[in-house]
C-alpha atoms as a PDB file:
ATOM      1  CA  MET A   1      80.178  14.103-151.011  1.00  0.00           C
ATOM      2  CA  THR A   2      83.009  16.406-151.938  1.00  0.00           C
ATOM      3  CA  ASN A   3      86.738  15.856-151.673  1.00  0.00           C
ATOM      4  CA  PRO A   4      88.779  18.161-149.420  1.00  0.00           C
ATOM      5  CA  PRO A   5      90.928  20.823-151.123  1.00  0.00           C
ATOM      6  CA  PRO A   6      94.642  20.113-151.475  1.00  0.00           C
ATOM      7  CA  PRO A   7      96.810  21.148-148.514  1.00  0.00           C
ATOM      8  CA  GLY A   8      98.715  24.415-148.670  1.00  0.00           C
ATOM      9  CA  ASN A   9      98.492  27.113-151.330  1.00  0.00           C
ATOM     10  CA  TRP A  10      99.410  25.047-154.373  1.00  0.00           C
ATOM     11  CA  SER A  11      96.784  23.886-156.811  1.00  0.00           C
ATOM     12  CA  ASP A  12      96.422  20.303-157.938  1.00  0.00           C
ATOM     13  CA  PRO A  13      95.256  19.993-161.558  1.00  0.00           C
ATOM     14  CA  THR A  14      93.629  16.612-160.866  1.00  0.00           C
ATOM     15  CA  TRP A  15      91.604  17.924-157.950  1.00  0.00           C
ATOM     16  CA  SER A  16      88.090  19.029-158.354  1.00  0.00           C
ATOM     17  CA  ALA A  17      85.350  19.739-155.903  1.00  0.00           C
ATOM     18  CA  GLN A  18      83.209  16.932-157.255  1.00  0.00           C
ATOM     19  CA  PRO A  19      84.322  13.320-157.780  1.00  0.00           C
ATOM     20  CA  SER A  20      84.858  12.487-161.449  1.00  0.00           C
ATOM     21  CA  SER A  21      82.893   9.235-161.264  1.00  0.00           C
ATOM     22  CA  PRO A  22      80.336   7.828-158.861  1.00  0.00           C
ATOM     23  CA  ALA A  23      81.485   5.458-156.108  1.00  0.00           C
ATOM     24  CA  PRO A  24      81.570   1.828-157.256  1.00  0.00           C
ATOM     25  CA  ASP A  25      78.737  -0.444-156.219  1.00  0.00           C
ATOM     26  CA  PRO A  26      80.117  -3.082-153.774  1.00  0.00           C
ATOM     27  CA  THR A  27      77.661  -5.694-155.061  1.00  0.00           C
ATOM     28  CA  LEU A  28      79.096  -5.494-158.602  1.00  0.00           C
ATOM     29  CA  VAL A  29      82.483  -6.788-159.800  1.00  0.00           C
ATOM     30  CA  ALA A  30      83.453  -5.705-163.318  1.00  0.00           C
ATOM     31  CA  GLY A  31      79.804  -4.813-163.952  1.00  0.00           C
ATOM     32  CA  GLN A  32      78.612  -8.310-162.975  1.00  0.00           C
ATOM     33  CA  PRO A  33      76.762  -9.169-159.753  1.00  0.00           C
ATOM     34  CA  VAL A  34      78.812 -10.926-157.052  1.00  0.00           C
ATOM     35  CA  PRO A  35      77.603 -14.496-156.351  1.00  0.00           C
ATOM     36  CA  ALA A  36      76.318 -15.156-152.867  1.00  0.00           C
ATOM     37  CA  GLN A  37      78.659 -16.758-150.331  1.00  0.00           C
ATOM     38  CA  PRO A  38      78.052 -20.465-149.700  1.00  0.00           C
ATOM     39  CA  GLY A  39      76.052 -21.155-146.592  1.00  0.00           C
ATOM     40  CA  PRO A  40      76.423 -23.952-144.057  1.00  0.00           C
ATOM     41  CA  VAL A  41      76.587 -27.434-145.536  1.00  0.00           C
ATOM     42  CA  ASP A  42      73.963 -29.955-144.539  1.00  0.00           C
ATOM     43  CA  PRO A  43      75.886 -33.022-143.245  1.00  0.00           C
ATOM     44  CA  TYR A  44      72.918 -35.276-144.010  1.00  0.00           C
ATOM     45  CA  ALA A  45      72.490 -34.152-147.621  1.00  0.00           C
ATOM     46  CA  PRO A  46      73.163 -36.818-150.256  1.00  0.00           C
ATOM     47  CA  SER A  47      76.773 -36.934-151.341  1.00  0.00           C
ATOM     48  CA  PRO A  48      77.460 -35.685-154.891  1.00  0.00           C
ATOM     49  CA  TYR A  49      80.449 -38.057-155.016  1.00  0.00           C
ATOM     50  CA  ALA A  50      78.530 -41.306-154.617  1.00  0.00           C
ATOM     51  CA  THR A  51      79.754 -43.962-157.029  1.00  0.00           C
ATOM     52  CA  SER A  52      76.363 -45.544-157.511  1.00  0.00           C
ATOM     53  CA  PRO A  53      72.809 -44.451-156.772  1.00  0.00           C
ATOM     54  CA  TYR A  54      72.431 -47.712-154.818  1.00  0.00           C
ATOM     55  CA  ALA A  55      75.636 -47.366-152.767  1.00  0.00           C
ATOM     56  CA  PRO A  56      74.988 -46.851-149.050  1.00  0.00           C
ATOM     57  CA  ASP A  57      75.874 -43.443-147.714  1.00  0.00           C
ATOM     58  CA  PRO A  58      78.689 -43.904-145.155  1.00  0.00           C
ATOM     59  CA  TYR A  59      77.637 -40.686-143.422  1.00  0.00           C
ATOM     60  CA  ALA A  60      73.987 -41.608-142.993  1.00  0.00           C
ATOM     61  CA  PRO A  61      72.756 -41.848-139.392  1.00  0.00           C
ATOM     62  CA  VAL A  62      72.666 -45.375-137.998  1.00  0.00           C
ATOM     63  CA  ASP A  63      69.851 -46.722-135.873  1.00  0.00           C
ATOM     64  CA  PRO A  64      71.465 -47.913-132.610  1.00  0.00           C
ATOM     65  CA  TYR A  65      68.727 -50.502-132.090  1.00  0.00           C
ATOM     66  CA  ALA A  66      69.105 -52.120-135.529  1.00  0.00           C
ATOM     67  CA  GLY A  67      72.034 -54.296-134.391  1.00  0.00           C
ATOM     68  CA  ALA A  68      74.622 -52.497-136.497  1.00  0.00           C
ATOM     69  CA  LYS A  69      77.918 -51.636-134.890  1.00  0.00           C
ATOM     70  CA  GLN A  70      78.303 -48.012-133.965  1.00  0.00           C
ATOM     71  CA  PRO A  71      81.511 -46.253-134.887  1.00  0.00           C
ATOM     72  CA  ALA A  72      83.525 -44.789-132.057  1.00  0.00           C
ATOM     73  CA  THR A  73      82.199 -41.334-131.271  1.00  0.00           C
ATOM     74  CA  GLN A  74      84.696 -40.456-128.537  1.00  0.00           C
ATOM     75  CA  PRO A  75      87.593 -38.390-129.899  1.00  0.00           C
ATOM     76  CA  MET A  76      91.106 -39.455-129.047  1.00  0.00           C
ATOM     77  CA  PRO A  77      92.648 -37.411-126.250  1.00  0.00           C
ATOM     78  CA  GLY A  78      94.703 -34.503-127.529  1.00  0.00           C
ATOM     79  CA  TYR A  79      92.894 -34.246-130.874  1.00  0.00           C
ATOM     80  CA  ALA A  80      90.135 -31.921-131.947  1.00  0.00           C
ATOM     81  CA  PRO A  81      86.830 -33.714-132.525  1.00  0.00           C
ATOM     82  CA  GLY A  82      85.948 -34.214-136.153  1.00  0.00           C
ATOM     83  CA  TYR A  83      89.552 -34.466-137.344  1.00  0.00           C
ATOM     84  CA  PRO A  84      91.445 -37.734-137.764  1.00  0.00           C
ATOM     85  CA  PRO A  85      94.582 -38.165-135.659  1.00  0.00           C
ATOM     86  CA  GLN A  86      97.821 -37.310-137.362  1.00  0.00           C
ATOM     87  CA  TYR A  87     100.093 -40.224-137.963  1.00  0.00           C
ATOM     88  CA  PRO A  88     103.820 -40.019-137.200  1.00  0.00           C
ATOM     89  CA  GLY A  89     106.189 -40.043-140.127  1.00  0.00           C
ATOM     90  CA  TYR A  90     103.827 -38.372-142.621  1.00  0.00           C
ATOM     91  CA  GLY A  91     102.473 -41.546-144.161  1.00  0.00           C
ATOM     92  CA  TYR A  92     105.455 -43.786-143.597  1.00  0.00           C
ATOM     93  CA  PRO A  93     104.940 -46.876-141.437  1.00  0.00           C
ATOM     94  CA  GLN A  94     106.450 -46.847-137.988  1.00  0.00           C
ATOM     95  CA  PRO A  95     109.616 -48.915-137.664  1.00  0.00           C
ATOM     96  CA  PRO A  96     109.261 -52.102-135.629  1.00  0.00           C
ATOM     97  CA  LYS A  97     110.243 -52.134-131.963  1.00  0.00           C
ATOM     98  CA  THR A  98     113.926 -52.978-131.465  1.00  0.00           C
ATOM     99  CA  ASN A  99     114.637 -56.192-129.588  1.00  0.00           C
ATOM    100  CA  GLY A 100     116.046 -55.454-126.129  1.00  0.00           C
ATOM    101  CA  MET A 101     118.286 -58.514-126.183  1.00  0.00           C
ATOM    102  CA  ALA A 102     119.922 -57.225-129.401  1.00  0.00           C
ATOM    103  CA  ILE A 103     120.654 -53.884-127.731  1.00  0.00           C
ATOM    104  CA  ALA A 104     122.152 -55.604-124.674  1.00  0.00           C
ATOM    105  CA  ALA A 105     124.237 -57.943-126.850  1.00  0.00           C
ATOM    106  CA  PHE A 106     125.618 -55.043-128.877  1.00  0.00           C
ATOM    107  CA  VAL A 107     126.491 -53.027-125.783  1.00  0.00           C
ATOM    108  CA  LEU A 108     128.208 -55.992-124.108  1.00  0.00           C
ATOM    109  CA  ALA A 109     130.153 -56.787-127.281  1.00  0.00           C
ATOM    110  CA  LEU A 110     131.386 -53.195-127.506  1.00  0.00           C
ATOM    111  CA  ILE A 111     132.317 -53.130-123.819  1.00  0.00           C
ATOM    112  CA  GLY A 112     134.393 -56.208-124.635  1.00  0.00           C
ATOM    113  CA  PHE A 113     137.004 -53.877-126.192  1.00  0.00           C
ATOM    114  CA  THR A 114     137.958 -52.806-122.675  1.00  0.00           C
ATOM    115  CA  SER A 115     136.892 -55.639-120.386  1.00  0.00           C
ATOM    116  CA  CYS A 116     137.367 -58.654-122.702  1.00  0.00           C
ATOM    117  CA  ILE A 117     135.074 -60.862-120.612  1.00  0.00           C
ATOM    118  CA  THR A 118     131.826 -59.319-121.882  1.00  0.00           C
ATOM    119  CA  ALA A 119     132.636 -59.976-125.560  1.00  0.00           C
ATOM    120  CA  PRO A 120     131.672 -63.703-125.531  1.00  0.00           C
ATOM    121  CA  ILE A 121     128.561 -62.888-123.481  1.00  0.00           C
ATOM    122  CA  GLY A 122     127.579 -60.288-126.094  1.00  0.00           C
ATOM    123  CA  ALA A 123     128.143 -62.797-128.900  1.00  0.00           C
ATOM    124  CA  ILE A 124     125.984 -65.446-127.219  1.00  0.00           C
ATOM    125  CA  LEU A 125     123.235 -62.923-126.470  1.00  0.00           C
ATOM    126  CA  GLY A 126     123.428 -61.859-130.129  1.00  0.00           C
ATOM    127  CA  HIS A 127     122.592 -65.418-131.214  1.00  0.00           C
ATOM    128  CA  VAL A 128     119.666 -65.514-128.772  1.00  0.00           C
ATOM    129  CA  ALA A 129     118.456 -62.123-130.014  1.00  0.00           C
ATOM    130  CA  GLN A 130     118.581 -63.273-133.647  1.00  0.00           C
ATOM    131  CA  LYS A 131     116.325 -66.214-132.813  1.00  0.00           C
ATOM    132  CA  GLN A 132     113.891 -63.964-130.940  1.00  0.00           C
ATOM    133  CA  ILE A 133     113.819 -61.510-133.849  1.00  0.00           C
ATOM    134  CA  ARG A 134     113.070 -64.290-136.344  1.00  0.00           C
ATOM    135  CA  LEU A 135     110.172 -65.503-134.201  1.00  0.00           C
ATOM    136  CA  SER A 136     108.664 -62.147-133.217  1.00  0.00           C
ATOM    137  CA  GLY A 137     109.454 -59.942-136.233  1.00  0.00           C
ATOM    138  CA  GLU A 138     110.973 -57.198-134.076  1.00  0.00           C
ATOM    139  CA  GLY A 139     113.702 -54.893-135.308  1.00  0.00           C
ATOM    140  CA  GLY A 140     117.371 -55.037-134.372  1.00  0.00           C
ATOM    141  CA  ALA A 141     118.607 -57.847-136.619  1.00  0.00           C
ATOM    142  CA  GLY A 142     121.593 -55.777-137.763  1.00  0.00           C
ATOM    143  CA  MET A 143     122.474 -54.901-134.191  1.00  0.00           C
ATOM    144  CA  ALA A 144     122.356 -58.580-133.189  1.00  0.00           C
ATOM    145  CA  LYS A 145     124.545 -59.548-136.149  1.00  0.00           C
ATOM    146  CA  ALA A 146     127.054 -56.809-135.282  1.00  0.00           C
ATOM    147  CA  ALA A 147     127.141 -58.060-131.678  1.00  0.00           C
ATOM    148  CA  ILE A 148     127.858 -61.602-132.900  1.00  0.00           C
ATOM    149  CA  ILE A 149     130.644 -60.487-135.230  1.00  0.00           C
ATOM    150  CA  VAL A 150     132.320 -58.093-132.794  1.00  0.00           C
ATOM    151  CA  GLY A 151     131.841 -60.470-129.854  1.00  0.00           C
ATOM    152  CA  TRP A 152     133.407 -63.474-131.560  1.00  0.00           C
ATOM    153  CA  ILE A 153     136.302 -61.473-133.040  1.00  0.00           C
ATOM    154  CA  LEU A 154     137.133 -60.022-129.621  1.00  0.00           C
ATOM    155  CA  THR A 155     136.749 -63.464-128.055  1.00  0.00           C
ATOM    156  CA  GLY A 156     139.220 -64.847-130.619  1.00  0.00           C
ATOM    157  CA  PHE A 157     141.692 -62.080-129.738  1.00  0.00           C
ATOM    158  CA  LEU A 158     141.171 -62.844-126.034  1.00  0.00           C
ATOM    159  CA  VAL A 159     141.963 -66.528-126.624  1.00  0.00           C
ATOM    160  CA  LEU A 160     145.100 -65.611-128.619  1.00  0.00           C
ATOM    161  CA  VAL A 161     146.304 -63.269-125.856  1.00  0.00           C
ATOM    162  CA  ILE A 162     145.736 -65.952-123.187  1.00  0.00           C
ATOM    163  CA  LEU A 163     147.605 -68.540-125.308  1.00  0.00           C
ATOM    164  CA  PHE A 164     150.451 -66.058-125.814  1.00  0.00           C
ATOM    165  CA  TYR A 165     150.736 -65.462-122.039  1.00  0.00           C
ATOM    166  CA  VAL A 166     150.627 -69.206-121.268  1.00  0.00           C
ATOM    167  CA  ALA A 167     153.312 -69.868-123.885  1.00  0.00           C
ATOM    168  CA  ALA A 168     155.479 -67.047-122.485  1.00  0.00           C
ATOM    169  CA  ILE A 169     155.161 -68.408-118.933  1.00  0.00           C
ATOM    170  CA  VAL A 170     156.000 -71.968-120.039  1.00  0.00           C
ATOM    171  CA  TYR A 171     158.975 -70.703-122.028  1.00  0.00           C
ATOM    172  CA  ALA A 172     160.196 -68.694-119.046  1.00  0.00           C
ATOM    173  CA  ILE A 173     159.944 -71.751-116.764  1.00  0.00           C
ATOM    174  CA  VAL A 174     161.702 -74.084-119.202  1.00  0.00           C
ATOM    175  CA  THR A 175     164.548 -71.744-120.001  1.00  0.00           C
ATOM    176  CA  SER A 176     165.196 -70.475-116.501  1.00  0.00           C
ATOM    177  CA  ASN A 177     168.493 -71.350-114.827  1.00  0.00           C
ATOM    178  CA  ASP A 178     167.772 -72.861-111.474  1.00  0.00           C
ATOM    179  CA  SER A 179     170.847 -72.242-109.281  1.00  0.00           C
ATOM    180  CA  SER A 180     169.588 -74.475-106.476  1.00  0.00           C
ATOM    181  CA  SER A 181     170.090 -77.689-108.497  1.00  0.00           C
ATOM    182  CA  TYR A 182     173.978 -77.371-108.553  1.00  0.00           C
END
């Protein structure tokens, strides 16, 4: 095989009609033969990572009539067969489910800023939620404690406001000048 001449009328000093060296052999790398590509792996071949020659192979076929439990062979929906399902959180455990009573208590305690009547209800529900959380191990203990604190503080303010209004009404009645008694 010869190389084409350079384009145009100029001469290239590196160009010659014959290649300077033969084409490289694709089966040799740096003068050494290329190793063969690995073929398919036999899934039933003995494992080279066995800890003991007497350890049972976990990948060995199991006789279904021998009474041994069969592992689940049905893949989970949404996952490719042969791959384990991916776990949420990249290895971190999932947080526990939040107690619904704690959420309701916290919401009612916060609504107590505007309505005042829901604050004691939120505080009481917070106590109930704390007991449920201790028994069931659910999450939401901080939310229940916040509902108790906010609920009882707002309830205390509500009681002070009611006492202030009652005292103002009593004072107004006592100090009023009744013109009909003269």
